[in-house]
Amino acid sequence: MAGNNYQYPHLEFVSDTAAFIEDEIIYTSGDGDMFPDDIPVGIVKIDDDNGFYVIPFVNIAKTNLVRVLNKEN
């Protein structure tokens, strides 16, 4: 996911073989070792250009506490 100065982040670097279904839940993949896998993030939506964006489960504008994840090898 990447922010784009709009209300919701877009999914980027999606492979050509990926098949998302609108309204399905999207989870972290664990790729890149930034976050553990299988953390629910939000709901997938399809935009007018057939791209994908995500409605997060949290309202980022109202977030006042953040948890930092430290994944050890």
PDB file of N, CA and C in Angstrom:
ATOM      1  N   MET A   1       0.843  -1.167   0.000  1.00  0.00           N
ATOM      2  CA  MET A   1       0.000   0.000   0.000  1.00  0.00           C
ATOM      3  C   MET A   1       0.884   1.225   0.000  1.00  0.00           C
ATOM      4  N   ALA A   2       0.387   2.250  -0.641  1.00  0.00           N
ATOM      5  CA  ALA A   2       1.123   3.511  -0.685  1.00  0.00           C
ATOM      6  C   ALA A   2       0.137   4.665  -0.626  1.00  0.00           C
ATOM      7  N   GLY A   3       0.500   5.662   0.161  1.00  0.00           N
ATOM      8  CA  GLY A   3      -0.313   6.862   0.215  1.00  0.00           C
ATOM      9  C   GLY A   3      -0.166   7.646  -1.074  1.00  0.00           C
ATOM     10  N   ASN A   4      -1.204   8.398  -1.413  1.00  0.00           N
ATOM     11  CA  ASN A   4      -1.186   9.160  -2.655  1.00  0.00           C
ATOM     12  C   ASN A   4      -1.901  10.508  -2.504  1.00  0.00           C
ATOM     13  N   ASN A   5      -1.969  11.017  -1.285  1.00  0.00           N
ATOM     14  CA  ASN A   5      -2.632  12.278  -0.964  1.00  0.00           C
ATOM     15  C   ASN A   5      -4.138  12.240  -1.206  1.00  0.00           C
ATOM     16  N   TYR A   6      -4.703  11.056  -1.234  1.00  0.00           N
ATOM     17  CA  TYR A   6      -6.145  10.886  -1.297  1.00  0.00           C
ATOM     18  C   TYR A   6      -6.597  10.248   0.007  1.00  0.00           C
ATOM     19  N   GLN A   7      -7.868  10.047   0.130  1.00  0.00           N
ATOM     20  CA  GLN A   7      -8.391   9.519   1.388  1.00  0.00           C
ATOM     21  C   GLN A   7      -7.886   8.111   1.697  1.00  0.00           C
ATOM     22  N   TYR A   8      -7.738   7.278   0.666  1.00  0.00           N
ATOM     23  CA  TYR A   8      -7.362   5.889   0.885  1.00  0.00           C
ATOM     24  C   TYR A   8      -6.084   5.537   0.138  1.00  0.00           C
ATOM     25  N   PRO A   9      -5.247   4.671   0.706  1.00  0.00           N
ATOM     26  CA  PRO A   9      -4.024   4.250   0.009  1.00  0.00           C
ATOM     27  C   PRO A   9      -4.323   3.266  -1.118  1.00  0.00           C
ATOM     28  N   HIS A  10      -3.492   3.309  -2.145  1.00  0.00           N
ATOM     29  CA  HIS A  10      -3.602   2.383  -3.269  1.00  0.00           C
ATOM     30  C   HIS A  10      -2.672   1.200  -3.070  1.00  0.00           C
ATOM     31  N   LEU A  11      -3.033   0.080  -3.678  1.00  0.00           N
ATOM     32  CA  LEU A  11      -2.140  -1.071  -3.698  1.00  0.00           C
ATOM     33  C   LEU A  11      -1.197  -0.892  -4.877  1.00  0.00           C
ATOM     34  N   GLU A  12       0.082  -0.972  -4.622  1.00  0.00           N
ATOM     35  CA  GLU A  12       1.074  -0.825  -5.678  1.00  0.00           C
ATOM     36  C   GLU A  12       1.921  -2.079  -5.756  1.00  0.00           C
ATOM     37  N   PHE A  13       2.619  -2.222  -6.865  1.00  0.00           N
ATOM     38  CA  PHE A  13       3.477  -3.383  -7.103  1.00  0.00           C
ATOM     39  C   PHE A  13       2.681  -4.683  -7.043  1.00  0.00           C
ATOM     40  N   VAL A  14       1.487  -4.644  -7.597  1.00  0.00           N
ATOM     41  CA  VAL A  14       0.626  -5.822  -7.651  1.00  0.00           C
ATOM     42  C   VAL A  14       0.971  -6.596  -8.922  1.00  0.00           C
ATOM     43  N   SER A  15       1.192  -7.882  -8.792  1.00  0.00           N
ATOM     44  CA  SER A  15       1.553  -8.683  -9.961  1.00  0.00           C
ATOM     45  C   SER A  15       0.376  -8.774 -10.930  1.00  0.00           C
ATOM     46  N   ASP A  16       0.689  -9.032 -12.178  1.00  0.00           N
ATOM     47  CA  ASP A  16      -0.345  -9.149 -13.209  1.00  0.00           C
ATOM     48  C   ASP A  16      -1.265 -10.345 -12.976  1.00  0.00           C
ATOM     49  N   THR A  17      -0.802 -11.303 -12.194  1.00  0.00           N
ATOM     50  CA  THR A  17      -1.608 -12.499 -11.943  1.00  0.00           C
ATOM     51  C   THR A  17      -2.454 -12.384 -10.674  1.00  0.00           C
ATOM     52  N   ALA A  18      -2.303 -11.269  -9.943  1.00  0.00           N
ATOM     53  CA  ALA A  18      -3.084 -11.087  -8.719  1.00  0.00           C
ATOM     54  C   ALA A  18      -4.554 -10.915  -9.070  1.00  0.00           C
ATOM     55  N   ALA A  19      -5.399 -11.523  -8.288  1.00  0.00           N
ATOM     56  CA  ALA A  19      -6.843 -11.434  -8.535  1.00  0.00           C
ATOM     57  C   ALA A  19      -7.535 -11.047  -7.231  1.00  0.00           C
ATOM     58  N   PHE A  20      -7.721  -9.750  -7.039  1.00  0.00           N
ATOM     59  CA  PHE A  20      -8.424  -9.286  -5.851  1.00  0.00           C
ATOM     60  C   PHE A  20      -9.915  -9.247  -6.137  1.00  0.00           C
ATOM     61  N   ILE A  21     -10.685  -9.475  -5.111  1.00  0.00           N
ATOM     62  CA  ILE A  21     -12.138  -9.381  -5.202  1.00  0.00           C
ATOM     63  C   ILE A  21     -12.556  -8.198  -4.342  1.00  0.00           C
ATOM     64  N   GLU A  22     -13.382  -7.339  -4.899  1.00  0.00           N
ATOM     65  CA  GLU A  22     -13.820  -6.177  -4.139  1.00  0.00           C
ATOM     66  C   GLU A  22     -14.493  -6.619  -2.847  1.00  0.00           C
ATOM     67  N   ASP A  23     -14.202  -5.895  -1.787  1.00  0.00           N
ATOM     68  CA  ASP A  23     -14.729  -6.118  -0.434  1.00  0.00           C
ATOM     69  C   ASP A  23     -14.057  -7.260   0.322  1.00  0.00           C
ATOM     70  N   GLU A  24     -13.006  -7.872  -0.251  1.00  0.00           N
ATOM     71  CA  GLU A  24     -12.295  -8.881   0.522  1.00  0.00           C
ATOM     72  C   GLU A  24     -11.316  -8.186   1.478  1.00  0.00           C
ATOM     73  N   ILE A  25     -10.968  -8.882   2.534  1.00  0.00           N
ATOM     74  CA  ILE A  25     -10.023  -8.355   3.516  1.00  0.00           C
ATOM     75  C   ILE A  25      -8.616  -8.560   2.993  1.00  0.00           C
ATOM     76  N   ILE A  26      -7.781  -7.534   3.159  1.00  0.00           N
ATOM     77  CA  ILE A  26      -6.382  -7.639   2.759  1.00  0.00           C
ATOM     78  C   ILE A  26      -5.532  -7.725   4.029  1.00  0.00           C
ATOM     79  N   TYR A  27      -4.488  -8.534   3.957  1.00  0.00           N
ATOM     80  CA  TYR A  27      -3.604  -8.794   5.103  1.00  0.00           C
ATOM     81  C   TYR A  27      -2.168  -8.445   4.717  1.00  0.00           C
ATOM     82  N   THR A  28      -1.347  -8.179   5.725  1.00  0.00           N
ATOM     83  CA  THR A  28       0.074  -7.999   5.450  1.00  0.00           C
ATOM     84  C   THR A  28       0.641  -9.318   4.946  1.00  0.00           C
ATOM     85  N   SER A  29       1.646  -9.209   4.072  1.00  0.00           N
ATOM     86  CA  SER A  29       2.231 -10.405   3.472  1.00  0.00           C
ATOM     87  C   SER A  29       3.445 -10.923   4.240  1.00  0.00           C
ATOM     88  N   GLY A  30       4.102 -10.038   4.959  1.00  0.00           N
ATOM     89  CA  GLY A  30       5.346 -10.416   5.612  1.00  0.00           C
ATOM     90  C   GLY A  30       6.551 -10.235   4.708  1.00  0.00           C
ATOM     91  N   ASP A  31       6.326  -9.981   3.416  1.00  0.00           N
ATOM     92  CA  ASP A  31       7.433  -9.751   2.482  1.00  0.00           C
ATOM     93  C   ASP A  31       8.139  -8.449   2.849  1.00  0.00           C
ATOM     94  N   GLY A  32       9.427  -8.430   2.718  1.00  0.00           N
ATOM     95  CA  GLY A  32      10.200  -7.234   3.025  1.00  0.00           C
ATOM     96  C   GLY A  32      10.572  -7.106   4.485  1.00  0.00           C
ATOM     97  N   ASP A  33      10.068  -8.002   5.320  1.00  0.00           N
ATOM     98  CA  ASP A  33      10.402  -8.012   6.749  1.00  0.00           C
ATOM     99  C   ASP A  33      10.052  -6.713   7.475  1.00  0.00           C
ATOM    100  N   MET A  34       9.073  -5.967   6.970  1.00  0.00           N
ATOM    101  CA  MET A  34       8.639  -4.753   7.658  1.00  0.00           C
ATOM    102  C   MET A  34       7.578  -5.059   8.712  1.00  0.00           C
ATOM    103  N   PHE A  35       6.653  -5.959   8.386  1.00  0.00           N
ATOM    104  CA  PHE A  35       5.579  -6.345   9.288  1.00  0.00           C
ATOM    105  C   PHE A  35       5.446  -7.856   9.266  1.00  0.00           C
ATOM    106  N   PRO A  36       4.966  -8.443  10.360  1.00  0.00           N
ATOM    107  CA  PRO A  36       4.672  -9.880  10.318  1.00  0.00           C
ATOM    108  C   PRO A  36       3.559 -10.148   9.312  1.00  0.00           C
ATOM    109  N   ASP A  37       3.424 -11.384   8.875  1.00  0.00           N
ATOM    110  CA  ASP A  37       2.350 -11.706   7.947  1.00  0.00           C
ATOM    111  C   ASP A  37       1.026 -11.896   8.681  1.00  0.00           C
ATOM    112  N   ASP A  38      -0.048 -11.838   7.914  1.00  0.00           N
ATOM    113  CA  ASP A  38      -1.415 -12.119   8.377  1.00  0.00           C
ATOM    114  C   ASP A  38      -2.005 -11.109   9.353  1.00  0.00           C
ATOM    115  N   ILE A  39      -1.578  -9.846   9.284  1.00  0.00           N
ATOM    116  CA  ILE A  39      -2.235  -8.789  10.064  1.00  0.00           C
ATOM    117  C   ILE A  39      -3.324  -8.188   9.168  1.00  0.00           C
ATOM    118  N   PRO A  40      -4.598  -8.217   9.586  1.00  0.00           N
ATOM    119  CA  PRO A  40      -5.649  -7.630   8.750  1.00  0.00           C
ATOM    120  C   PRO A  40      -5.483  -6.119   8.668  1.00  0.00           C
ATOM    121  N   VAL A  41      -5.550  -5.575   7.451  1.00  0.00           N
ATOM    122  CA  VAL A  41      -5.287  -4.162   7.215  1.00  0.00           C
ATOM    123  C   VAL A  41      -6.545  -3.399   6.846  1.00  0.00           C
ATOM    124  N   GLY A  42      -7.351  -3.954   5.938  1.00  0.00           N
ATOM    125  CA  GLY A  42      -8.543  -3.245   5.490  1.00  0.00           C
ATOM    126  C   GLY A  42      -9.283  -4.000   4.409  1.00  0.00           C
ATOM    127  N   ILE A  43     -10.171  -3.294   3.739  1.00  0.00           N
ATOM    128  CA  ILE A  43     -11.038  -3.857   2.714  1.00  0.00           C
ATOM    129  C   ILE A  43     -10.597  -3.364   1.335  1.00  0.00           C
ATOM    130  N   VAL A  44     -10.477  -4.268   0.376  1.00  0.00           N
ATOM    131  CA  VAL A  44     -10.064  -3.925  -0.991  1.00  0.00           C
ATOM    132  C   VAL A  44     -11.252  -3.352  -1.766  1.00  0.00           C
ATOM    133  N   LYS A  45     -10.987  -2.269  -2.494  1.00  0.00           N
ATOM    134  CA  LYS A  45     -11.966  -1.663  -3.402  1.00  0.00           C
ATOM    135  C   LYS A  45     -11.306  -1.469  -4.762  1.00  0.00           C
ATOM    136  N   ILE A  46     -12.120  -1.381  -5.802  1.00  0.00           N
ATOM    137  CA  ILE A  46     -11.619  -1.180  -7.168  1.00  0.00           C
ATOM    138  C   ILE A  46     -11.972   0.236  -7.587  1.00  0.00           C
ATOM    139  N   ASP A  47     -10.976   0.985  -8.096  1.00  0.00           N
ATOM    140  CA  ASP A  47     -11.231   2.361  -8.520  1.00  0.00           C
ATOM    141  C   ASP A  47     -11.689   2.419  -9.975  1.00  0.00           C
ATOM    142  N   ASP A  48     -11.926   3.622 -10.473  1.00  0.00           N
ATOM    143  CA  ASP A  48     -12.436   3.805 -11.838  1.00  0.00           C
ATOM    144  C   ASP A  48     -11.465   3.350 -12.919  1.00  0.00           C
ATOM    145  N   ASP A  49     -10.163   3.261 -12.587  1.00  0.00           N
ATOM    146  CA  ASP A  49      -9.144   2.836 -13.553  1.00  0.00           C
ATOM    147  C   ASP A  49      -8.809   1.354 -13.409  1.00  0.00           C
ATOM    148  N   ASN A  50      -9.660   0.608 -12.702  1.00  0.00           N
ATOM    149  CA  ASN A  50      -9.438  -0.809 -12.408  1.00  0.00           C
ATOM    150  C   ASN A  50      -8.190  -1.053 -11.571  1.00  0.00           C
ATOM    151  N   GLY A  51      -7.774  -0.043 -10.833  1.00  0.00           N
ATOM    152  CA  GLY A  51      -6.716  -0.213  -9.847  1.00  0.00           C
ATOM    153  C   GLY A  51      -7.354  -0.571  -8.511  1.00  0.00           C
ATOM    154  N   PHE A  52      -6.529  -0.873  -7.539  1.00  0.00           N
ATOM    155  CA  PHE A  52      -7.036  -1.294  -6.235  1.00  0.00           C
ATOM    156  C   PHE A  52      -6.638  -0.291  -5.162  1.00  0.00           C
ATOM    157  N   TYR A  53      -7.572   0.001  -4.260  1.00  0.00           N
ATOM    158  CA  TYR A  53      -7.254   0.802  -3.087  1.00  0.00           C
ATOM    159  C   TYR A  53      -7.825   0.097  -1.864  1.00  0.00           C
ATOM    160  N   VAL A  54      -7.442   0.587  -0.688  1.00  0.00           N
ATOM    161  CA  VAL A  54      -7.818  -0.092   0.551  1.00  0.00           C
ATOM    162  C   VAL A  54      -8.505   0.887   1.493  1.00  0.00           C
ATOM    163  N   ILE A  55      -9.625   0.473   2.028  1.00  0.00           N
ATOM    164  CA  ILE A  55     -10.261   1.222   3.111  1.00  0.00           C
ATOM    165  C   ILE A  55      -9.738   0.594   4.406  1.00  0.00           C
ATOM    166  N   PRO A  56      -8.846   1.298   5.108  1.00  0.00           N
ATOM    167  CA  PRO A  56      -8.228   0.732   6.314  1.00  0.00           C
ATOM    168  C   PRO A  56      -9.256   0.478   7.422  1.00  0.00           C
ATOM    169  N   PHE A  57      -8.933  -0.456   8.281  1.00  0.00           N
ATOM    170  CA  PHE A  57      -9.790  -0.733   9.431  1.00  0.00           C
ATOM    171  C   PHE A  57      -9.693   0.367  10.489  1.00  0.00           C
ATOM    172  N   VAL A  58      -8.670   1.199  10.403  1.00  0.00           N
ATOM    173  CA  VAL A  58      -8.520   2.298  11.363  1.00  0.00           C
ATOM    174  C   VAL A  58      -8.658   3.634  10.633  1.00  0.00           C
ATOM    175  N   ASN A  59      -9.102   4.635  11.358  1.00  0.00           N
ATOM    176  CA  ASN A  59      -9.151   5.988  10.827  1.00  0.00           C
ATOM    177  C   ASN A  59      -7.829   6.651  11.184  1.00  0.00           C
ATOM    178  N   ILE A  60      -6.944   6.767  10.199  1.00  0.00           N
ATOM    179  CA  ILE A  60      -5.606   7.299  10.443  1.00  0.00           C
ATOM    180  C   ILE A  60      -5.669   8.706  11.035  1.00  0.00           C
ATOM    181  N   ALA A  61      -6.641   9.503  10.617  1.00  0.00           N
ATOM    182  CA  ALA A  61      -6.760  10.885  11.102  1.00  0.00           C
ATOM    183  C   ALA A  61      -7.060  10.940  12.601  1.00  0.00           C
ATOM    184  N   LYS A  62      -7.648   9.885  13.135  1.00  0.00           N
ATOM    185  CA  LYS A  62      -7.998   9.871  14.557  1.00  0.00           C
ATOM    186  C   LYS A  62      -7.041   9.022  15.386  1.00  0.00           C
ATOM    187  N   THR A  63      -5.963   8.577  14.782  1.00  0.00           N
ATOM    188  CA  THR A  63      -5.002   7.740  15.490  1.00  0.00           C
ATOM    189  C   THR A  63      -4.127   8.605  16.392  1.00  0.00           C
ATOM    190  N   ASN A  64      -4.064   8.260  17.667  1.00  0.00           N
ATOM    191  CA  ASN A  64      -3.193   9.007  18.569  1.00  0.00           C
ATOM    192  C   ASN A  64      -2.184   8.116  19.269  1.00  0.00           C
ATOM    193  N   LEU A  65      -2.303   6.819  19.092  1.00  0.00           N
ATOM    194  CA  LEU A  65      -1.321   5.878  19.621  1.00  0.00           C
ATOM    195  C   LEU A  65      -0.863   4.967  18.496  1.00  0.00           C
ATOM    196  N   VAL A  66       0.415   4.690  18.475  1.00  0.00           N
ATOM    197  CA  VAL A  66       0.984   3.828  17.435  1.00  0.00           C
ATOM    198  C   VAL A  66       1.810   2.751  18.114  1.00  0.00           C
ATOM    199  N   ARG A  67       1.712   1.540  17.628  1.00  0.00           N
ATOM    200  CA  ARG A  67       2.555   0.462  18.129  1.00  0.00           C
ATOM    201  C   ARG A  67       3.654   0.211  17.109  1.00  0.00           C
ATOM    202  N   VAL A  68       4.886   0.194  17.565  1.00  0.00           N
ATOM    203  CA  VAL A  68       6.002  -0.082  16.708  1.00  0.00           C
ATOM    204  C   VAL A  68       6.341  -1.564  16.842  1.00  0.00           C
ATOM    205  N   LEU A  69       6.392  -2.252  15.716  1.00  0.00           N
ATOM    206  CA  LEU A  69       6.698  -3.677  15.718  1.00  0.00           C
ATOM    207  C   LEU A  69       8.177  -3.859  15.489  1.00  0.00           C
ATOM    208  N   ASN A  70       8.814  -4.677  16.306  1.00  0.00           N
ATOM    209  CA  ASN A  70      10.237  -4.969  16.153  1.00  0.00           C
ATOM    210  C   ASN A  70      10.352  -6.469  15.945  1.00  0.00           C
ATOM    211  N   LYS A  71      10.609  -6.836  14.698  1.00  0.00           N
ATOM    212  CA  LYS A  71      10.714  -8.252  14.361  1.00  0.00           C
ATOM    213  C   LYS A  71      12.169  -8.671  14.413  1.00  0.00           C
ATOM    214  N   GLU A  72      12.475  -9.608  15.274  1.00  0.00           N
ATOM    215  CA  GLU A  72      13.842 -10.117  15.374  1.00  0.00           C
ATOM    216  C   GLU A  72      14.006 -11.295  14.430  1.00  0.00           C
ATOM    217  N   ASN A  73      15.208 -11.429  13.888  1.00  0.00           N
ATOM    218  CA  ASN A  73      15.484 -12.564  12.993  1.00  0.00           C
ATOM    219  C   ASN A  73      15.592 -13.846  13.767  1.00  0.00           C
TER     220      ASN A  73
END
